[in-house]
Amino acid sequence: MNIKITPIALPSSTPAFSLQQFYARYGILAALIALCIFLSFSNQYFMSWGNWADILRQTSINGILAIGMTFVVLTAGIDLSVGAILAFAGMVSAWLVAGDNSHGVTTSLLAGLGFGALLGAVNGLLVARLSVPPFVATLGMLSAARGLTYIYNDGMPVSDLPDDFLEIGAGYVWQVPVPILIFVAVIAISWFVLRYTIYGRYIYAVGGNAKSAKTSGISTRKVLFAVYVVSGLLAALAGILLASRTTAALPQAGVSYELDAIAAVVIGGTSLSGGTGSLGGTVVGALLIGVINNGLNLLGVSSYYQQVIKGVIIVGAVLLDASRKKQ
């Protein structure tokens, strides 16, 4: 008696894996493209260069903040003080360059960047040296830096800024807004640091497993200290750009900007638990938020509803991060 055994074909897991891999790598980019296609049909002005110049100019502020936040989040930290540091650095730079007693644009820029790095260094000392939880340390800095901003000029805005300073945020080079060029330069430098330097590898190592990184000889305290300095420095740069673009430094500038920066980082695929993520994802996440803001304005959506939509986006970003960790 001959018995013929027919092998049973088991379902292949390759398609599911490929779909999951595509979702993890390109899901946010696909969402950005789909949103742009939808808005291009919804409003005739969306795809114009003038509108995209506005989108990129506005995104440059949040994008620079988000890049600094990426350095911090990759180490499993958080920086809630970037909006307040942005306001303080912008106020310092504007005050030094405004009026008859101007100290010059170069001096004002260096002072603003220096104070941003200094406040970031305080965050770094609290987290790296004194082991204060990042949430608590940067929440305290948020309040302190905001208070310093109001104290600096008695709660009054600084205006009457010279043209040389205003060119930083409102000028053009070959029909391209200067903030966009600065944003691209920050992206290039940060990408090189994270991808091709030992310091970049150390950031991923500390975020992935701080104990193992320390055991392998990495100075985790120095790495943690440095990422908060970077975050403070880039927040200061964003503050200078914002003050220049709006032609005045406002003490209330940057309120809730940290939420948009965190949302851009998490939407872009960087895990809040550290060790996983990319700068490219952060940039796409910042662009997505910028396109959403611009699209809602073009469609005439009330600013009150925009706040609700932003809140939903932030919660969705956290849920997306949790889903990634489970997978």
C-alpha atoms as a PDB file:
ATOM      1  CA  MET A   1       0.000   0.000   0.000  1.00  0.00           C
ATOM      2  CA  ASN A   2       1.499   3.266  -1.115  1.00  0.00           C
ATOM      3  CA  ILE A   3       0.743   6.263   1.031  1.00  0.00           C
ATOM      4  CA  LYS A   4       1.289   9.620  -0.562  1.00  0.00           C
ATOM      5  CA  ILE A   5       2.007  12.376   1.901  1.00  0.00           C
ATOM      6  CA  THR A   6       1.341  15.863   0.645  1.00  0.00           C
ATOM      7  CA  PRO A   7       3.354  18.462   2.464  1.00  0.00           C
ATOM      8  CA  ILE A   8       1.327  21.200   4.074  1.00  0.00           C
ATOM      9  CA  ALA A   9       2.356  24.661   2.963  1.00  0.00           C
ATOM     10  CA  LEU A  10       2.791  26.875   5.971  1.00  0.00           C
ATOM     11  CA  PRO A  11       1.922  30.542   5.579  1.00  0.00           C
ATOM     12  CA  SER A  12       4.984  32.639   5.038  1.00  0.00           C
ATOM     13  CA  SER A  13       5.716  35.357   7.563  1.00  0.00           C
ATOM     14  CA  THR A  14       7.749  37.370   5.080  1.00  0.00           C
ATOM     15  CA  PRO A  15       4.915  39.624   3.801  1.00  0.00           C
ATOM     16  CA  ALA A  16       3.843  40.534   7.348  1.00  0.00           C
ATOM     17  CA  PHE A  17       7.420  41.246   8.316  1.00  0.00           C
ATOM     18  CA  SER A  18       7.960  43.370   5.233  1.00  0.00           C
ATOM     19  CA  LEU A  19       4.795  45.358   5.906  1.00  0.00           C
ATOM     20  CA  GLN A  20       5.831  45.922   9.503  1.00  0.00           C
ATOM     21  CA  GLN A  21       9.297  46.951   8.395  1.00  0.00           C
ATOM     22  CA  PHE A  22       7.857  49.380   5.850  1.00  0.00           C
ATOM     23  CA  TYR A  23       5.550  50.856   8.509  1.00  0.00           C
ATOM     24  CA  ALA A  24       8.420  51.300  10.948  1.00  0.00           C
ATOM     25  CA  ARG A  25      10.752  52.931   8.432  1.00  0.00           C
ATOM     26  CA  TYR A  26       8.533  54.870   6.073  1.00  0.00           C
ATOM     27  CA  GLY A  27       5.125  55.165   7.744  1.00  0.00           C
ATOM     28  CA  ILE A  28       5.601  58.758   8.860  1.00  0.00           C
ATOM     29  CA  LEU A  29       6.947  59.786   5.442  1.00  0.00           C
ATOM     30  CA  ALA A  30       3.982  58.142   3.722  1.00  0.00           C
ATOM     31  CA  ALA A  31       1.637  60.018   6.058  1.00  0.00           C
ATOM     32  CA  LEU A  32       3.351  63.315   5.188  1.00  0.00           C
ATOM     33  CA  ILE A  33       3.059  62.658   1.446  1.00  0.00           C
ATOM     34  CA  ALA A  34      -0.601  61.623   1.750  1.00  0.00           C
ATOM     35  CA  LEU A  35      -1.395  64.770   3.750  1.00  0.00           C
ATOM     36  CA  CYS A  36       0.338  66.973   1.170  1.00  0.00           C
ATOM     37  CA  ILE A  37      -1.648  65.338  -1.646  1.00  0.00           C
ATOM     38  CA  PHE A  38      -4.917  65.884   0.243  1.00  0.00           C
ATOM     39  CA  LEU A  39      -4.149  69.541   0.979  1.00  0.00           C
ATOM     40  CA  SER A  40      -3.021  70.207  -2.594  1.00  0.00           C
ATOM     41  CA  PHE A  41      -6.529  69.260  -3.765  1.00  0.00           C
ATOM     42  CA  SER A  42      -8.210  71.089  -0.883  1.00  0.00           C
ATOM     43  CA  ASN A  43      -6.502  74.451  -1.424  1.00  0.00           C
ATOM     44  CA  GLN A  44      -4.995  75.835  -4.605  1.00  0.00           C
ATOM     45  CA  TYR A  45      -2.316  77.817  -2.765  1.00  0.00           C
ATOM     46  CA  PHE A  46      -0.896  74.923  -0.753  1.00  0.00           C
ATOM     47  CA  MET A  47       1.683  73.790  -3.330  1.00  0.00           C
ATOM     48  CA  SER A  48       2.889  77.295  -4.196  1.00  0.00           C
ATOM     49  CA  TRP A  49       6.510  78.152  -3.380  1.00  0.00           C
ATOM     50  CA  GLY A  50       5.383  81.115  -1.284  1.00  0.00           C
ATOM     51  CA  ASN A  51       3.311  78.847   0.935  1.00  0.00           C
ATOM     52  CA  TRP A  52       6.041  76.230   1.215  1.00  0.00           C
ATOM     53  CA  ALA A  53       8.568  78.918   2.066  1.00  0.00           C
ATOM     54  CA  ASP A  54       6.293  79.905   4.956  1.00  0.00           C
ATOM     55  CA  ILE A  55       5.918  76.262   6.039  1.00  0.00           C
ATOM     56  CA  LEU A  56       9.673  75.653   6.020  1.00  0.00           C
ATOM     57  CA  ARG A  57      10.422  78.985   7.709  1.00  0.00           C
ATOM     58  CA  GLN A  58       7.991  78.190  10.520  1.00  0.00           C
ATOM     59  CA  THR A  59       9.121  74.571  10.719  1.00  0.00           C
ATOM     60  CA  SER A  60      12.742  75.662  11.099  1.00  0.00           C
ATOM     61  CA  ILE A  61      12.040  76.913  14.636  1.00  0.00           C
ATOM     62  CA  ASN A  62      10.352  73.723  15.829  1.00  0.00           C
ATOM     63  CA  GLY A  63      12.749  71.619  13.779  1.00  0.00           C
ATOM     64  CA  ILE A  64      15.830  73.077  15.459  1.00  0.00           C
ATOM     65  CA  LEU A  65      14.214  72.560  18.868  1.00  0.00           C
ATOM     66  CA  ALA A  66      13.296  68.991  17.915  1.00  0.00           C
ATOM     67  CA  ILE A  67      16.855  68.196  16.818  1.00  0.00           C
ATOM     68  CA  GLY A  68      18.160  69.247  20.227  1.00  0.00           C
ATOM     69  CA  MET A  69      15.359  67.255  21.838  1.00  0.00           C
ATOM     70  CA  THR A  70      16.391  64.203  19.793  1.00  0.00           C
ATOM     71  CA  PHE A  71      19.840  64.217  21.417  1.00  0.00           C
ATOM     72  CA  VAL A  72      18.186  64.233  24.846  1.00  0.00           C
ATOM     73  CA  VAL A  73      15.465  61.656  24.138  1.00  0.00           C
ATOM     74  CA  LEU A  74      18.002  59.232  22.647  1.00  0.00           C
ATOM     75  CA  THR A  75      19.546  59.056  26.144  1.00  0.00           C
ATOM     76  CA  ALA A  76      16.083  58.277  27.616  1.00  0.00           C
ATOM     77  CA  GLY A  77      15.766  61.856  28.903  1.00  0.00           C
ATOM     78  CA  ILE A  78      13.401  64.747  28.294  1.00  0.00           C
ATOM     79  CA  ASP A  79      13.831  68.525  28.154  1.00  0.00           C
ATOM     80  CA  LEU A  80      10.761  70.554  29.070  1.00  0.00           C
ATOM     81  CA  SER A  81      12.699  73.810  29.299  1.00  0.00           C
ATOM     82  CA  VAL A  82      13.485  74.423  25.608  1.00  0.00           C
ATOM     83  CA  GLY A  83      10.589  76.865  25.115  1.00  0.00           C
ATOM     84  CA  ALA A  84      11.636  78.967  28.102  1.00  0.00           C
ATOM     85  CA  ILE A  85      15.323  78.887  27.099  1.00  0.00           C
ATOM     86  CA  LEU A  86      14.257  79.962  23.601  1.00  0.00           C
ATOM     87  CA  ALA A  87      12.481  83.005  25.053  1.00  0.00           C
ATOM     88  CA  PHE A  88      15.340  83.964  27.380  1.00  0.00           C
ATOM     89  CA  ALA A  89      18.063  83.662  24.723  1.00  0.00           C
ATOM     90  CA  GLY A  90      15.983  85.650  22.250  1.00  0.00           C
ATOM     91  CA  MET A  91      15.415  88.350  24.861  1.00  0.00           C
ATOM     92  CA  VAL A  92      19.133  88.588  25.705  1.00  0.00           C
ATOM     93  CA  SER A  93      20.213  88.830  22.057  1.00  0.00           C
ATOM     94  CA  ALA A  94      17.539  91.362  21.159  1.00  0.00           C
ATOM     95  CA  TRP A  95      18.248  93.537  24.203  1.00  0.00           C
ATOM     96  CA  LEU A  96      21.969  93.666  23.430  1.00  0.00           C
ATOM     97  CA  VAL A  97      21.444  94.652  19.811  1.00  0.00           C
ATOM     98  CA  ALA A  98      18.487  97.042  20.174  1.00  0.00           C
ATOM     99  CA  GLY A  99      18.480 100.802  20.661  1.00  0.00           C
ATOM    100  CA  ASP A 100      21.304 103.311  20.679  1.00  0.00           C
ATOM    101  CA  ASN A 101      23.541 101.251  22.979  1.00  0.00           C
ATOM    102  CA  SER A 102      23.811  98.314  20.597  1.00  0.00           C
ATOM    103  CA  HIS A 103      26.725  95.944  21.228  1.00  0.00           C
ATOM    104  CA  GLY A 104      26.690  94.639  17.663  1.00  0.00           C
ATOM    105  CA  VAL A 105      24.995  91.666  16.048  1.00  0.00           C
ATOM    106  CA  THR A 106      27.915  89.277  16.576  1.00  0.00           C
ATOM    107  CA  THR A 107      28.145  90.019  20.299  1.00  0.00           C
ATOM    108  CA  SER A 108      24.392  89.673  20.740  1.00  0.00           C
ATOM    109  CA  LEU A 109      24.329  86.345  18.909  1.00  0.00           C
ATOM    110  CA  LEU A 110      27.216  84.924  20.935  1.00  0.00           C
ATOM    111  CA  ALA A 111      25.612  86.116  24.179  1.00  0.00           C
ATOM    112  CA  GLY A 112      22.260  84.519  23.338  1.00  0.00           C
ATOM    113  CA  LEU A 113      23.858  81.228  22.318  1.00  0.00           C
ATOM    114  CA  GLY A 114      26.116  81.307  25.377  1.00  0.00           C
ATOM    115  CA  PHE A 115      23.249  81.798  27.815  1.00  0.00           C
ATOM    116  CA  GLY A 116      21.300  79.005  26.116  1.00  0.00           C
ATOM    117  CA  ALA A 117      24.248  76.638  26.458  1.00  0.00           C
ATOM    118  CA  LEU A 118      24.706  77.743  30.087  1.00  0.00           C
ATOM    119  CA  LEU A 119      21.099  76.981  31.030  1.00  0.00           C
ATOM    120  CA  GLY A 120      21.422  73.664  29.228  1.00  0.00           C
ATOM    121  CA  ALA A 121      24.575  72.976  31.234  1.00  0.00           C
ATOM    122  CA  VAL A 122      22.641  73.556  34.464  1.00  0.00           C
ATOM    123  CA  ASN A 123      20.129  70.953  33.304  1.00  0.00           C
ATOM    124  CA  GLY A 124      23.011  68.628  32.484  1.00  0.00           C
ATOM    125  CA  LEU A 125      24.589  69.038  35.920  1.00  0.00           C
ATOM    126  CA  LEU A 126      21.288  68.357  37.662  1.00  0.00           C
ATOM    127  CA  VAL A 127      20.650  65.214  35.622  1.00  0.00           C
ATOM    128  CA  ALA A 128      24.171  63.813  35.182  1.00  0.00           C
ATOM    129  CA  ARG A 129      25.900  64.842  38.410  1.00  0.00           C
ATOM    130  CA  LEU A 130      23.080  65.127  40.962  1.00  0.00           C
ATOM    131  CA  SER A 131      20.903  62.352  39.463  1.00  0.00           C
ATOM    132  CA  VAL A 132      17.793  64.527  39.396  1.00  0.00           C
ATOM    133  CA  PRO A 133      15.157  62.970  37.089  1.00  0.00           C
ATOM    134  CA  PRO A 134      15.173  64.803  33.740  1.00  0.00           C
ATOM    135  CA  PHE A 135      11.462  65.596  33.985  1.00  0.00           C
ATOM    136  CA  VAL A 136      11.909  67.307  37.348  1.00  0.00           C
ATOM    137  CA  ALA A 137      15.162  69.098  36.477  1.00  0.00           C
ATOM    138  CA  THR A 138      13.928  70.551  33.199  1.00  0.00           C
ATOM    139  CA  LEU A 139      10.498  71.392  34.622  1.00  0.00           C
ATOM    140  CA  GLY A 140      12.256  73.496  37.238  1.00  0.00           C
ATOM    141  CA  MET A 141      14.387  75.128  34.548  1.00  0.00           C
ATOM    142  CA  LEU A 142      11.248  75.868  32.528  1.00  0.00           C
ATOM    143  CA  SER A 143       9.898  77.951  35.409  1.00  0.00           C
ATOM    144  CA  ALA A 144      13.250  79.557  36.255  1.00  0.00           C
ATOM    145  CA  ALA A 145      14.134  80.525  32.670  1.00  0.00           C
ATOM    146  CA  ARG A 146      10.661  81.908  32.056  1.00  0.00           C
ATOM    147  CA  GLY A 147      10.945  84.005  35.210  1.00  0.00           C
ATOM    148  CA  LEU A 148      14.374  85.284  34.151  1.00  0.00           C
ATOM    149  CA  THR A 149      12.904  86.285  30.798  1.00  0.00           C
ATOM    150  CA  TYR A 150      10.282  88.467  32.491  1.00  0.00           C
ATOM    151  CA  ILE A 151      12.818  89.899  34.939  1.00  0.00           C
ATOM    152  CA  TYR A 152      15.362  90.741  32.233  1.00  0.00           C
ATOM    153  CA  ASN A 153      13.301  93.559  30.687  1.00  0.00           C
ATOM    154  CA  ASP A 154      10.592  94.010  33.335  1.00  0.00           C
ATOM    155  CA  GLY A 155       8.155  91.892  31.362  1.00  0.00           C
ATOM    156  CA  MET A 156       8.303  94.215  28.350  1.00  0.00           C
ATOM    157  CA  PRO A 157       9.079  93.147  24.768  1.00  0.00           C
ATOM    158  CA  VAL A 158      12.264  94.314  23.048  1.00  0.00           C
ATOM    159  CA  SER A 159      11.701  95.923  19.651  1.00  0.00           C
ATOM    160  CA  ASP A 160      13.491  98.493  17.483  1.00  0.00           C
ATOM    161  CA  LEU A 161      15.888  95.836  16.226  1.00  0.00           C
ATOM    162  CA  PRO A 162      18.456  96.762  13.538  1.00  0.00           C
ATOM    163  CA  ASP A 163      18.157  95.476   9.998  1.00  0.00           C
ATOM    164  CA  ASP A 164      21.303  93.330  10.297  1.00  0.00           C
ATOM    165  CA  PHE A 165      19.670  91.366  13.108  1.00  0.00           C
ATOM    166  CA  LEU A 166      16.321  91.110  11.312  1.00  0.00           C
ATOM    167  CA  GLU A 167      18.032  89.632   8.251  1.00  0.00           C
ATOM    168  CA  ILE A 168      18.774  86.476  10.271  1.00  0.00           C
ATOM    169  CA  GLY A 169      15.115  85.527  10.518  1.00  0.00           C
ATOM    170  CA  ALA A 170      13.533  87.401   7.627  1.00  0.00           C
ATOM    171  CA  GLY A 171      16.278  87.627   5.014  1.00  0.00           C
ATOM    172  CA  TYR A 172      16.780  85.633   1.819  1.00  0.00           C
ATOM    173  CA  VAL A 173      19.732  84.073   0.042  1.00  0.00           C
ATOM    174  CA  TRP A 174      18.998  83.236  -3.596  1.00  0.00           C
ATOM    175  CA  GLN A 175      15.244  83.443  -2.898  1.00  0.00           C
ATOM    176  CA  VAL A 176      15.591  80.964  -0.040  1.00  0.00           C
ATOM    177  CA  PRO A 177      14.743  82.218   3.483  1.00  0.00           C
ATOM    178  CA  VAL A 178      17.784  82.344   5.773  1.00  0.00           C
ATOM    179  CA  PRO A 179      16.092  80.314   8.581  1.00  0.00           C
ATOM    180  CA  ILE A 180      15.688  77.417   6.137  1.00  0.00           C
ATOM    181  CA  LEU A 181      19.405  77.487   5.310  1.00  0.00           C
ATOM    182  CA  ILE A 182      20.289  77.571   9.017  1.00  0.00           C
ATOM    183  CA  PHE A 183      17.890  74.670   9.636  1.00  0.00           C
ATOM    184  CA  VAL A 184      19.527  72.624   6.879  1.00  0.00           C
ATOM    185  CA  ALA A 185      22.986  73.369   8.308  1.00  0.00           C
ATOM    186  CA  VAL A 186      21.865  72.226  11.785  1.00  0.00           C
ATOM    187  CA  ILE A 187      20.440  69.034  10.272  1.00  0.00           C
ATOM    188  CA  ALA A 188      23.666  68.275   8.410  1.00  0.00           C
ATOM    189  CA  ILE A 189      25.933  68.860  11.413  1.00  0.00           C
ATOM    190  CA  SER A 190      23.717  66.929  13.837  1.00  0.00           C
ATOM    191  CA  TRP A 191      23.295  64.034  11.399  1.00  0.00           C
ATOM    192  CA  PHE A 192      27.058  63.771  10.981  1.00  0.00           C
ATOM    193  CA  VAL A 193      27.602  63.838  14.760  1.00  0.00           C
ATOM    194  CA  LEU A 194      25.037  61.127  15.487  1.00  0.00           C
ATOM    195  CA  ARG A 195      26.016  58.885  12.602  1.00  0.00           C
ATOM    196  CA  TYR A 196      29.768  59.204  12.208  1.00  0.00           C
ATOM    197  CA  THR A 197      31.289  60.252  15.533  1.00  0.00           C
ATOM    198  CA  ILE A 198      32.163  58.319  18.648  1.00  0.00           C
ATOM    199  CA  TYR A 199      30.069  60.736  20.669  1.00  0.00           C
ATOM    200  CA  GLY A 200      27.035  59.841  18.562  1.00  0.00           C
ATOM    201  CA  ARG A 201      27.574  56.142  19.220  1.00  0.00           C
ATOM    202  CA  TYR A 202      27.921  56.856  22.923  1.00  0.00           C
ATOM    203  CA  ILE A 203      24.538  58.628  22.925  1.00  0.00           C
ATOM    204  CA  TYR A 204      22.820  55.544  21.512  1.00  0.00           C
ATOM    205  CA  ALA A 205      24.722  53.283  23.896  1.00  0.00           C
ATOM    206  CA  VAL A 206      23.751  55.290  26.976  1.00  0.00           C
ATOM    207  CA  GLY A 207      20.125  55.425  25.891  1.00  0.00           C
ATOM    208  CA  GLY A 208      20.022  51.715  25.106  1.00  0.00           C
ATOM    209  CA  ASN A 209      21.510  50.561  28.413  1.00  0.00           C
ATOM    210  CA  ALA A 210      23.269  53.044  30.668  1.00  0.00           C
ATOM    211  CA  LYS A 211      24.699  50.367  32.979  1.00  0.00           C
ATOM    212  CA  SER A 212      26.224  48.387  30.128  1.00  0.00           C
ATOM    213  CA  ALA A 213      27.601  51.582  28.603  1.00  0.00           C
ATOM    214  CA  LYS A 214      29.248  52.519  31.887  1.00  0.00           C
ATOM    215  CA  THR A 215      30.669  49.015  32.267  1.00  0.00           C
ATOM    216  CA  SER A 216      32.210  49.229  28.802  1.00  0.00           C
ATOM    217  CA  GLY A 217      34.092  52.381  29.780  1.00  0.00           C
ATOM    218  CA  ILE A 218      31.778  55.119  28.517  1.00  0.00           C
ATOM    219  CA  SER A 219      31.525  58.176  30.751  1.00  0.00           C
ATOM    220  CA  THR A 220      27.755  58.282  30.927  1.00  0.00           C
ATOM    221  CA  ARG A 221      27.777  61.486  32.989  1.00  0.00           C
ATOM    222  CA  LYS A 222      29.698  63.384  30.325  1.00  0.00           C
ATOM    223  CA  VAL A 223      27.371  62.107  27.606  1.00  0.00           C
ATOM    224  CA  LEU A 224      24.261  63.110  29.550  1.00  0.00           C
ATOM    225  CA  PHE A 225      25.729  66.503  30.408  1.00  0.00           C
ATOM    226  CA  ALA A 226      26.619  67.186  26.771  1.00  0.00           C
ATOM    227  CA  VAL A 227      23.186  66.379  25.316  1.00  0.00           C
ATOM    228  CA  TYR A 228      21.506  68.974  27.541  1.00  0.00           C
ATOM    229  CA  VAL A 229      24.108  71.557  26.529  1.00  0.00           C
ATOM    230  CA  VAL A 230      23.310  70.782  22.873  1.00  0.00           C
ATOM    231  CA  SER A 231      19.586  71.097  23.570  1.00  0.00           C
ATOM    232  CA  GLY A 232      20.050  74.453  25.306  1.00  0.00           C
ATOM    233  CA  LEU A 233      22.308  75.747  22.539  1.00  0.00           C
ATOM    234  CA  LEU A 234      19.854  74.833  19.785  1.00  0.00           C
ATOM    235  CA  ALA A 235      16.949  76.258  21.793  1.00  0.00           C
ATOM    236  CA  ALA A 236      18.871  79.536  21.980  1.00  0.00           C
ATOM    237  CA  LEU A 237      19.456  79.481  18.228  1.00  0.00           C
ATOM    238  CA  ALA A 238      15.726  78.936  17.679  1.00  0.00           C
ATOM    239  CA  GLY A 239      14.983  81.843  20.028  1.00  0.00           C
ATOM    240  CA  ILE A 240      17.256  84.196  18.090  1.00  0.00           C
ATOM    241  CA  LEU A 241      15.615  83.166  14.812  1.00  0.00           C
ATOM    242  CA  LEU A 242      12.143  83.683  16.277  1.00  0.00           C
ATOM    243  CA  ALA A 243      12.963  87.134  17.669  1.00  0.00           C
ATOM    244  CA  SER A 244      14.492  88.145  14.351  1.00  0.00           C
ATOM    245  CA  ARG A 245      11.589  86.806  12.284  1.00  0.00           C
ATOM    246  CA  THR A 246       8.899  88.469  14.429  1.00  0.00           C
ATOM    247  CA  THR A 247      10.951  91.728  14.699  1.00  0.00           C
ATOM    248  CA  ALA A 248      10.668  91.657  18.507  1.00  0.00           C
ATOM    249  CA  ALA A 249      11.636  89.516  21.498  1.00  0.00           C
ATOM    250  CA  LEU A 250       8.563  88.694  23.564  1.00  0.00           C
ATOM    251  CA  PRO A 251       8.776  87.385  27.146  1.00  0.00           C
ATOM    252  CA  GLN A 252       5.923  84.972  26.435  1.00  0.00           C
ATOM    253  CA  ALA A 253       7.600  83.544  23.325  1.00  0.00           C
ATOM    254  CA  GLY A 254       8.013  79.787  23.085  1.00  0.00           C
ATOM    255  CA  VAL A 255       5.107  78.832  25.359  1.00  0.00           C
ATOM    256  CA  SER A 256       4.270  75.136  24.762  1.00  0.00           C
ATOM    257  CA  TYR A 257       6.941  74.878  22.051  1.00  0.00           C
ATOM    258  CA  GLU A 258       8.470  71.983  23.972  1.00  0.00           C
ATOM    259  CA  LEU A 259       5.322  69.944  23.298  1.00  0.00           C
ATOM    260  CA  ASP A 260       5.629  70.390  19.529  1.00  0.00           C
ATOM    261  CA  ALA A 261       9.319  69.455  19.719  1.00  0.00           C
ATOM    262  CA  ILE A 262       8.615  66.301  21.722  1.00  0.00           C
ATOM    263  CA  ALA A 263       5.783  65.379  19.354  1.00  0.00           C
ATOM    264  CA  ALA A 264       8.070  65.774  16.323  1.00  0.00           C
ATOM    265  CA  VAL A 265      10.712  63.549  17.925  1.00  0.00           C
ATOM    266  CA  VAL A 266       8.322  60.768  18.939  1.00  0.00           C
ATOM    267  CA  ILE A 267       6.302  60.867  15.711  1.00  0.00           C
ATOM    268  CA  GLY A 268       9.618  60.574  13.877  1.00  0.00           C
ATOM    269  CA  GLY A 269      10.334  57.237  15.520  1.00  0.00           C
ATOM    270  CA  THR A 270      12.655  58.094  18.418  1.00  0.00           C
ATOM    271  CA  SER A 271      11.663  56.030  21.448  1.00  0.00           C
ATOM    272  CA  LEU A 272      11.007  57.813  24.735  1.00  0.00           C
ATOM    273  CA  SER A 273      12.818  54.951  26.452  1.00  0.00           C
ATOM    274  CA  GLY A 274      16.018  55.883  24.603  1.00  0.00           C
ATOM    275  CA  GLY A 275      18.521  54.160  22.342  1.00  0.00           C
ATOM    276  CA  THR A 276      16.337  54.044  19.214  1.00  0.00           C
ATOM    277  CA  GLY A 277      15.617  56.694  16.635  1.00  0.00           C
ATOM    278  CA  SER A 278      17.016  58.792  13.826  1.00  0.00           C
ATOM    279  CA  LEU A 279      17.454  62.439  13.004  1.00  0.00           C
ATOM    280  CA  GLY A 280      15.756  61.994   9.644  1.00  0.00           C
ATOM    281  CA  GLY A 281      12.596  60.805  11.371  1.00  0.00           C
ATOM    282  CA  THR A 282      12.622  63.867  13.602  1.00  0.00           C
ATOM    283  CA  VAL A 283      12.895  66.179  10.595  1.00  0.00           C
ATOM    284  CA  VAL A 284       9.966  64.454   8.876  1.00  0.00           C
ATOM    285  CA  GLY A 285       7.979  64.642  12.121  1.00  0.00           C
ATOM    286  CA  ALA A 286       8.629  68.391  12.367  1.00  0.00           C
ATOM    287  CA  LEU A 287       7.592  68.838   8.730  1.00  0.00           C
ATOM    288  CA  LEU A 288       4.404  66.881   9.360  1.00  0.00           C
ATOM    289  CA  ILE A 289       3.462  69.160  12.255  1.00  0.00           C
ATOM    290  CA  GLY A 290       4.292  72.223  10.157  1.00  0.00           C
ATOM    291  CA  VAL A 291       2.147  70.993   7.263  1.00  0.00           C
ATOM    292  CA  ILE A 292      -0.735  70.234   9.631  1.00  0.00           C
ATOM    293  CA  ASN A 293      -0.577  73.742  11.141  1.00  0.00           C
ATOM    294  CA  ASN A 294      -0.409  75.351   7.710  1.00  0.00           C
ATOM    295  CA  GLY A 295      -3.159  73.173   6.283  1.00  0.00           C
ATOM    296  CA  LEU A 296      -5.528  73.937   9.148  1.00  0.00           C
ATOM    297  CA  ASN A 297      -4.926  77.664   8.638  1.00  0.00           C
ATOM    298  CA  LEU A 298      -5.570  77.399   4.902  1.00  0.00           C
ATOM    299  CA  LEU A 299      -8.780  75.458   5.548  1.00  0.00           C
ATOM    300  CA  GLY A 300      -9.940  78.123   7.983  1.00  0.00           C
ATOM    301  CA  VAL A 301      -9.994  75.896  11.053  1.00  0.00           C
ATOM    302  CA  SER A 302     -10.324  77.858  14.304  1.00  0.00           C
ATOM    303  CA  SER A 303      -7.205  78.160  16.476  1.00  0.00           C
ATOM    304  CA  TYR A 304      -9.188  76.597  19.353  1.00  0.00           C
ATOM    305  CA  TYR A 305      -9.738  73.422  17.342  1.00  0.00           C
ATOM    306  CA  GLN A 306      -6.093  73.480  16.293  1.00  0.00           C
ATOM    307  CA  GLN A 307      -5.080  73.175  19.958  1.00  0.00           C
ATOM    308  CA  VAL A 308      -7.335  70.130  20.316  1.00  0.00           C
ATOM    309  CA  ILE A 309      -5.869  68.540  17.200  1.00  0.00           C
ATOM    310  CA  LYS A 310      -2.323  69.152  18.465  1.00  0.00           C
ATOM    311  CA  GLY A 311      -3.218  67.471  21.748  1.00  0.00           C
ATOM    312  CA  VAL A 312      -4.555  64.446  19.891  1.00  0.00           C
ATOM    313  CA  ILE A 313      -1.357  64.313  17.812  1.00  0.00           C
ATOM    314  CA  ILE A 314       0.827  64.322  20.942  1.00  0.00           C
ATOM    315  CA  VAL A 315      -1.208  61.557  22.606  1.00  0.00           C
ATOM    316  CA  GLY A 316      -1.160  59.602  19.365  1.00  0.00           C
ATOM    317  CA  ALA A 317       2.618  59.982  19.171  1.00  0.00           C
ATOM    318  CA  VAL A 318       3.025  58.492  22.648  1.00  0.00           C
ATOM    319  CA  LEU A 319       0.687  55.615  21.786  1.00  0.00           C
ATOM    320  CA  LEU A 320       2.664  55.055  18.590  1.00  0.00           C
ATOM    321  CA  ASP A 321       5.861  54.862  20.618  1.00  0.00           C
ATOM    322  CA  ALA A 322       4.277  52.322  22.964  1.00  0.00           C
ATOM    323  CA  SER A 323       3.159  50.265  19.957  1.00  0.00           C
ATOM    324  CA  ARG A 324       6.678  50.271  18.544  1.00  0.00           C
ATOM    325  CA  LYS A 325       8.125  49.036  21.839  1.00  0.00           C
ATOM    326  CA  LYS A 326       5.619  46.168  21.976  1.00  0.00           C
ATOM    327  CA  GLN A 327       6.522  45.122  18.435  1.00  0.00           C
END
